[in-house]
Amino acid sequence: MKERHAYSGSNEVKPLKVEILEKDKTLSAGKKYEFECRSTGSKPVANLTWWKTSKQLKKMAKNFQDGGTSVSVLQWIPNIDDDGKFLACRAENPKLPEAAIEDRWKLKNKFDYSDKFLEASKDKRGETYQAGLEFHSNASVFYTTIVLKQGSSFSCYS
């Protein structure tokens, strides 16, 4: 005689945890980063999506499962305007979309760009001079510096 087991309930379980790893770093605008998100507890495994504020970042992430864990790796290049915005990883069980959870990270972004150009040339009188150009930016402050060297004297323009 076969035993019958009474089972009530669903085989579907909402995600229990979602976490963006290594979210305590300051980012540099214009530099490519790789971010990893993991979710556990969901049955079936959760789908992971990435969001910047309220916009989904599509086609920038690779998703896979590692046992019962969902993993997503986002490759993304932040820009200067992303400072203070939120990057979020959302874990959603496809059978229980209303039970989605997310982990958010307030971005600390800097734009620290210094491009130096220095060139030595001769003027019409045959004197050698050097011209230099530097461009600096940190957050919303931009400035340029031009330095001209002729002989032993310098002229600086900002």
C-alpha atoms as a PDB file:
ATOM      1  CA  MET A   1       0.000   0.000   0.000  1.00  0.00           C
ATOM      2  CA  LYS A   2       1.357   3.442  -0.963  1.00  0.00           C
ATOM      3  CA  GLU A   3       1.795   6.049   1.682  1.00  0.00           C
ATOM      4  CA  ARG A   4       0.281   9.414   1.004  1.00  0.00           C
ATOM      5  CA  HIS A   5       1.833  12.542   2.372  1.00  0.00           C
ATOM      6  CA  ALA A   6      -0.268  15.556   2.848  1.00  0.00           C
ATOM      7  CA  TYR A   7       1.528  18.640   1.627  1.00  0.00           C
ATOM      8  CA  SER A   8      -0.010  22.015   1.577  1.00  0.00           C
ATOM      9  CA  GLY A   9       1.750  25.087   0.407  1.00  0.00           C
ATOM     10  CA  SER A  10       3.723  26.145  -2.543  1.00  0.00           C
ATOM     11  CA  ASN A  11       7.070  25.088  -3.899  1.00  0.00           C
ATOM     12  CA  GLU A  12       7.731  28.753  -4.558  1.00  0.00           C
ATOM     13  CA  VAL A  13       9.776  30.736  -2.065  1.00  0.00           C
ATOM     14  CA  LYS A  14      10.589  34.424  -2.295  1.00  0.00           C
ATOM     15  CA  PRO A  15      14.228  35.569  -2.286  1.00  0.00           C
ATOM     16  CA  LEU A  16      15.533  35.772   1.276  1.00  0.00           C
ATOM     17  CA  LYS A  17      18.671  37.803   0.642  1.00  0.00           C
ATOM     18  CA  VAL A  18      20.180  39.983  -2.073  1.00  0.00           C
ATOM     19  CA  GLU A  19      23.531  41.723  -1.746  1.00  0.00           C
ATOM     20  CA  ILE A  20      25.790  43.882  -3.886  1.00  0.00           C
ATOM     21  CA  LEU A  21      29.348  42.905  -2.987  1.00  0.00           C
ATOM     22  CA  GLU A  22      32.108  45.475  -2.343  1.00  0.00           C
ATOM     23  CA  LYS A  23      29.880  48.533  -2.345  1.00  0.00           C
ATOM     24  CA  ASP A  24      31.982  50.654  -0.017  1.00  0.00           C
ATOM     25  CA  LYS A  25      34.368  52.044  -2.615  1.00  0.00           C
ATOM     26  CA  THR A  26      34.554  55.437  -4.282  1.00  0.00           C
ATOM     27  CA  LEU A  27      34.296  55.246  -8.055  1.00  0.00           C
ATOM     28  CA  SER A  28      36.135  57.236 -10.700  1.00  0.00           C
ATOM     29  CA  ALA A  29      33.988  58.517 -13.554  1.00  0.00           C
ATOM     30  CA  GLY A  30      35.002  57.160 -16.929  1.00  0.00           C
ATOM     31  CA  LYS A  31      36.605  54.016 -15.493  1.00  0.00           C
ATOM     32  CA  LYS A  32      35.117  50.570 -16.182  1.00  0.00           C
ATOM     33  CA  TYR A  33      34.019  48.591 -13.126  1.00  0.00           C
ATOM     34  CA  GLU A  34      32.661  45.130 -12.498  1.00  0.00           C
ATOM     35  CA  PHE A  35      30.044  44.739  -9.764  1.00  0.00           C
ATOM     36  CA  GLU A  36      28.712  41.461  -8.393  1.00  0.00           C
ATOM     37  CA  CYS A  37      25.317  40.773  -6.855  1.00  0.00           C
ATOM     38  CA  ARG A  38      24.173  37.540  -5.181  1.00  0.00           C
ATOM     39  CA  SER A  39      20.758  36.346  -4.093  1.00  0.00           C
ATOM     40  CA  THR A  40      19.811  33.266  -2.075  1.00  0.00           C
ATOM     41  CA  GLY A  41      16.680  31.572  -0.787  1.00  0.00           C
ATOM     42  CA  SER A  42      14.440  31.853  -3.838  1.00  0.00           C
ATOM     43  CA  LYS A  43      12.712  28.802  -5.330  1.00  0.00           C
ATOM     44  CA  PRO A  44      12.903  28.812  -8.273  1.00  0.00           C
ATOM     45  CA  VAL A  45      16.131  30.834  -8.325  1.00  0.00           C
ATOM     46  CA  ALA A  46      15.694  34.590  -8.548  1.00  0.00           C
ATOM     47  CA  ASN A  47      16.182  36.690 -11.655  1.00  0.00           C
ATOM     48  CA  LEU A  48      18.593  39.540 -10.953  1.00  0.00           C
ATOM     49  CA  THR A  49      18.377  42.955 -12.602  1.00  0.00           C
ATOM     50  CA  TRP A  50      20.441  46.124 -12.150  1.00  0.00           C
ATOM     51  CA  TRP A  51      19.000  49.603 -11.823  1.00  0.00           C
ATOM     52  CA  LYS A  52      20.480  53.100 -11.647  1.00  0.00           C
ATOM     53  CA  THR A  53      17.911  55.186  -9.812  1.00  0.00           C
ATOM     54  CA  SER A  54      14.729  54.098 -11.680  1.00  0.00           C
ATOM     55  CA  LYS A  55      16.318  53.091 -14.999  1.00  0.00           C
ATOM     56  CA  GLN A  56      17.145  49.455 -15.665  1.00  0.00           C
ATOM     57  CA  LEU A  57      20.683  48.797 -16.905  1.00  0.00           C
ATOM     58  CA  LYS A  58      20.013  46.252 -19.633  1.00  0.00           C
ATOM     59  CA  LYS A  59      22.569  44.281 -21.632  1.00  0.00           C
ATOM     60  CA  MET A  60      25.387  45.222 -19.245  1.00  0.00           C
ATOM     61  CA  ALA A  61      25.140  42.205 -16.935  1.00  0.00           C
ATOM     62  CA  LYS A  62      25.813  38.495 -17.150  1.00  0.00           C
ATOM     63  CA  ASN A  63      23.594  36.300 -14.968  1.00  0.00           C
ATOM     64  CA  PHE A  64      24.129  32.725 -13.858  1.00  0.00           C
ATOM     65  CA  GLN A  65      23.216  30.293 -11.092  1.00  0.00           C
ATOM     66  CA  ASP A  66      25.615  28.694  -8.643  1.00  0.00           C
ATOM     67  CA  GLY A  67      23.604  25.957  -6.940  1.00  0.00           C
ATOM     68  CA  GLY A  68      20.673  27.741  -5.281  1.00  0.00           C
ATOM     69  CA  THR A  69      22.366  31.127  -5.582  1.00  0.00           C
ATOM     70  CA  SER A  70      21.678  33.637  -8.342  1.00  0.00           C
ATOM     71  CA  VAL A  71      24.700  35.683  -9.398  1.00  0.00           C
ATOM     72  CA  SER A  72      24.846  38.745 -11.635  1.00  0.00           C
ATOM     73  CA  VAL A  73      27.997  40.537 -12.776  1.00  0.00           C
ATOM     74  CA  LEU A  74      27.514  44.075 -14.081  1.00  0.00           C
ATOM     75  CA  GLN A  75      30.139  45.796 -16.226  1.00  0.00           C
ATOM     76  CA  TRP A  76      29.502  49.513 -16.111  1.00  0.00           C
ATOM     77  CA  ILE A  77      31.272  52.843 -16.591  1.00  0.00           C
ATOM     78  CA  PRO A  78      29.924  55.536 -14.251  1.00  0.00           C
ATOM     79  CA  ASN A  79      29.920  59.154 -15.358  1.00  0.00           C
ATOM     80  CA  ILE A  80      30.285  62.356 -13.371  1.00  0.00           C
ATOM     81  CA  ASP A  81      26.499  62.778 -13.040  1.00  0.00           C
ATOM     82  CA  ASP A  82      26.135  59.464 -11.188  1.00  0.00           C
ATOM     83  CA  ASP A  83      27.483  60.850  -7.904  1.00  0.00           C
ATOM     84  CA  GLY A  84      24.775  60.549  -5.239  1.00  0.00           C
ATOM     85  CA  LYS A  85      22.527  58.329  -7.370  1.00  0.00           C
ATOM     86  CA  PHE A  86      21.584  54.807  -6.351  1.00  0.00           C
ATOM     87  CA  LEU A  87      22.724  51.586  -7.992  1.00  0.00           C
ATOM     88  CA  ALA A  88      20.408  48.705  -7.127  1.00  0.00           C
ATOM     89  CA  CYS A  89      20.372  44.965  -7.669  1.00  0.00           C
ATOM     90  CA  ARG A  90      16.848  43.537  -7.653  1.00  0.00           C
ATOM     91  CA  ALA A  91      16.108  39.859  -6.955  1.00  0.00           C
ATOM     92  CA  GLU A  92      12.772  38.618  -8.224  1.00  0.00           C
ATOM     93  CA  ASN A  93      11.287  35.138  -8.177  1.00  0.00           C
ATOM     94  CA  PRO A  94       9.559  34.835 -11.571  1.00  0.00           C
ATOM     95  CA  LYS A  95       6.633  33.054  -9.873  1.00  0.00           C
ATOM     96  CA  LEU A  96       6.326  35.691  -7.104  1.00  0.00           C
ATOM     97  CA  PRO A  97       7.110  39.077  -8.702  1.00  0.00           C
ATOM     98  CA  GLU A  98       5.367  40.993  -5.909  1.00  0.00           C
ATOM     99  CA  ALA A  99       7.902  39.622  -3.399  1.00  0.00           C
ATOM    100  CA  ALA A 100      10.992  41.098  -5.078  1.00  0.00           C
ATOM    101  CA  ILE A 101      13.736  42.531  -2.859  1.00  0.00           C
ATOM    102  CA  GLU A 102      16.678  44.768  -3.661  1.00  0.00           C
ATOM    103  CA  ASP A 103      19.986  45.980  -2.305  1.00  0.00           C
ATOM    104  CA  ARG A 104      20.852  49.623  -3.013  1.00  0.00           C
ATOM    105  CA  TRP A 105      24.128  51.485  -2.998  1.00  0.00           C
ATOM    106  CA  LYS A 106      24.456  55.274  -2.944  1.00  0.00           C
ATOM    107  CA  LEU A 107      27.262  55.985  -5.387  1.00  0.00           C
ATOM    108  CA  LYS A 108      30.276  58.025  -4.349  1.00  0.00           C
ATOM    109  CA  ASN A 109      31.714  59.124  -7.637  1.00  0.00           C
ATOM    110  CA  LYS A 110      34.644  61.334  -8.441  1.00  0.00           C
ATOM    111  CA  PHE A 111      36.011  62.558 -11.716  1.00  0.00           C
ATOM    112  CA  ASP A 112      39.719  62.911 -11.248  1.00  0.00           C
ATOM    113  CA  TYR A 113      41.075  63.531 -14.693  1.00  0.00           C
ATOM    114  CA  SER A 114      44.376  65.130 -15.363  1.00  0.00           C
ATOM    115  CA  ASP A 115      45.555  65.070 -18.930  1.00  0.00           C
ATOM    116  CA  LYS A 116      48.909  66.676 -19.327  1.00  0.00           C
ATOM    117  CA  PHE A 117      50.299  67.829 -22.621  1.00  0.00           C
ATOM    118  CA  LEU A 118      53.763  69.249 -22.879  1.00  0.00           C
ATOM    119  CA  GLU A 119      55.463  70.114 -26.103  1.00  0.00           C
ATOM    120  CA  ALA A 120      58.803  71.729 -26.829  1.00  0.00           C
ATOM    121  CA  SER A 121      58.972  73.987 -29.874  1.00  0.00           C
ATOM    122  CA  LYS A 122      61.129  76.724 -31.327  1.00  0.00           C
ATOM    123  CA  ASP A 123      59.718  80.146 -31.995  1.00  0.00           C
ATOM    124  CA  LYS A 124      60.600  82.308 -34.992  1.00  0.00           C
ATOM    125  CA  ARG A 125      63.687  83.638 -33.232  1.00  0.00           C
ATOM    126  CA  GLY A 126      64.983  80.122 -32.677  1.00  0.00           C
ATOM    127  CA  GLU A 127      64.363  80.183 -28.930  1.00  0.00           C
ATOM    128  CA  THR A 128      63.076  76.978 -27.417  1.00  0.00           C
ATOM    129  CA  TYR A 129      59.925  77.166 -25.366  1.00  0.00           C
ATOM    130  CA  GLN A 130      57.598  74.613 -23.844  1.00  0.00           C
ATOM    131  CA  ALA A 131      53.849  74.781 -23.820  1.00  0.00           C
ATOM    132  CA  GLY A 132      51.859  72.694 -21.389  1.00  0.00           C
ATOM    133  CA  LEU A 133      48.183  72.107 -20.897  1.00  0.00           C
ATOM    134  CA  GLU A 134      46.534  70.439 -17.926  1.00  0.00           C
ATOM    135  CA  PHE A 135      42.857  69.695 -17.512  1.00  0.00           C
ATOM    136  CA  HIS A 136      41.542  68.895 -14.034  1.00  0.00           C
ATOM    137  CA  SER A 137      38.111  68.013 -12.797  1.00  0.00           C
ATOM    138  CA  ASN A 138      36.808  66.904  -9.441  1.00  0.00           C
ATOM    139  CA  ALA A 139      33.023  66.597  -9.265  1.00  0.00           C
ATOM    140  CA  SER A 140      31.639  69.809 -10.724  1.00  0.00           C
ATOM    141  CA  VAL A 141      34.826  71.919 -10.644  1.00  0.00           C
ATOM    142  CA  PHE A 142      36.699  72.175 -13.932  1.00  0.00           C
ATOM    143  CA  TYR A 143      39.769  74.200 -14.657  1.00  0.00           C
ATOM    144  CA  THR A 144      42.609  74.325 -17.135  1.00  0.00           C
ATOM    145  CA  THR A 145      46.140  75.496 -16.714  1.00  0.00           C
ATOM    146  CA  ILE A 146      48.399  76.562 -19.538  1.00  0.00           C
ATOM    147  CA  VAL A 147      52.067  77.012 -18.748  1.00  0.00           C
ATOM    148  CA  LEU A 148      54.468  78.573 -21.222  1.00  0.00           C
ATOM    149  CA  LYS A 149      58.178  78.364 -20.583  1.00  0.00           C
ATOM    150  CA  GLN A 150      60.508  80.514 -22.564  1.00  0.00           C
ATOM    151  CA  GLY A 151      64.099  80.326 -21.483  1.00  0.00           C
ATOM    152  CA  SER A 152      63.994  80.445 -17.697  1.00  0.00           C
ATOM    153  CA  SER A 153      60.680  82.335 -17.339  1.00  0.00           C
ATOM    154  CA  PHE A 154      57.213  80.825 -16.979  1.00  0.00           C
ATOM    155  CA  SER A 155      53.811  82.258 -17.795  1.00  0.00           C
ATOM    156  CA  CYS A 156      50.753  80.600 -16.282  1.00  0.00           C
ATOM    157  CA  TYR A 157      47.184  81.033 -17.524  1.00  0.00           C
ATOM    158  CA  SER A 158      44.175  79.474 -15.786  1.00  0.00           C
END
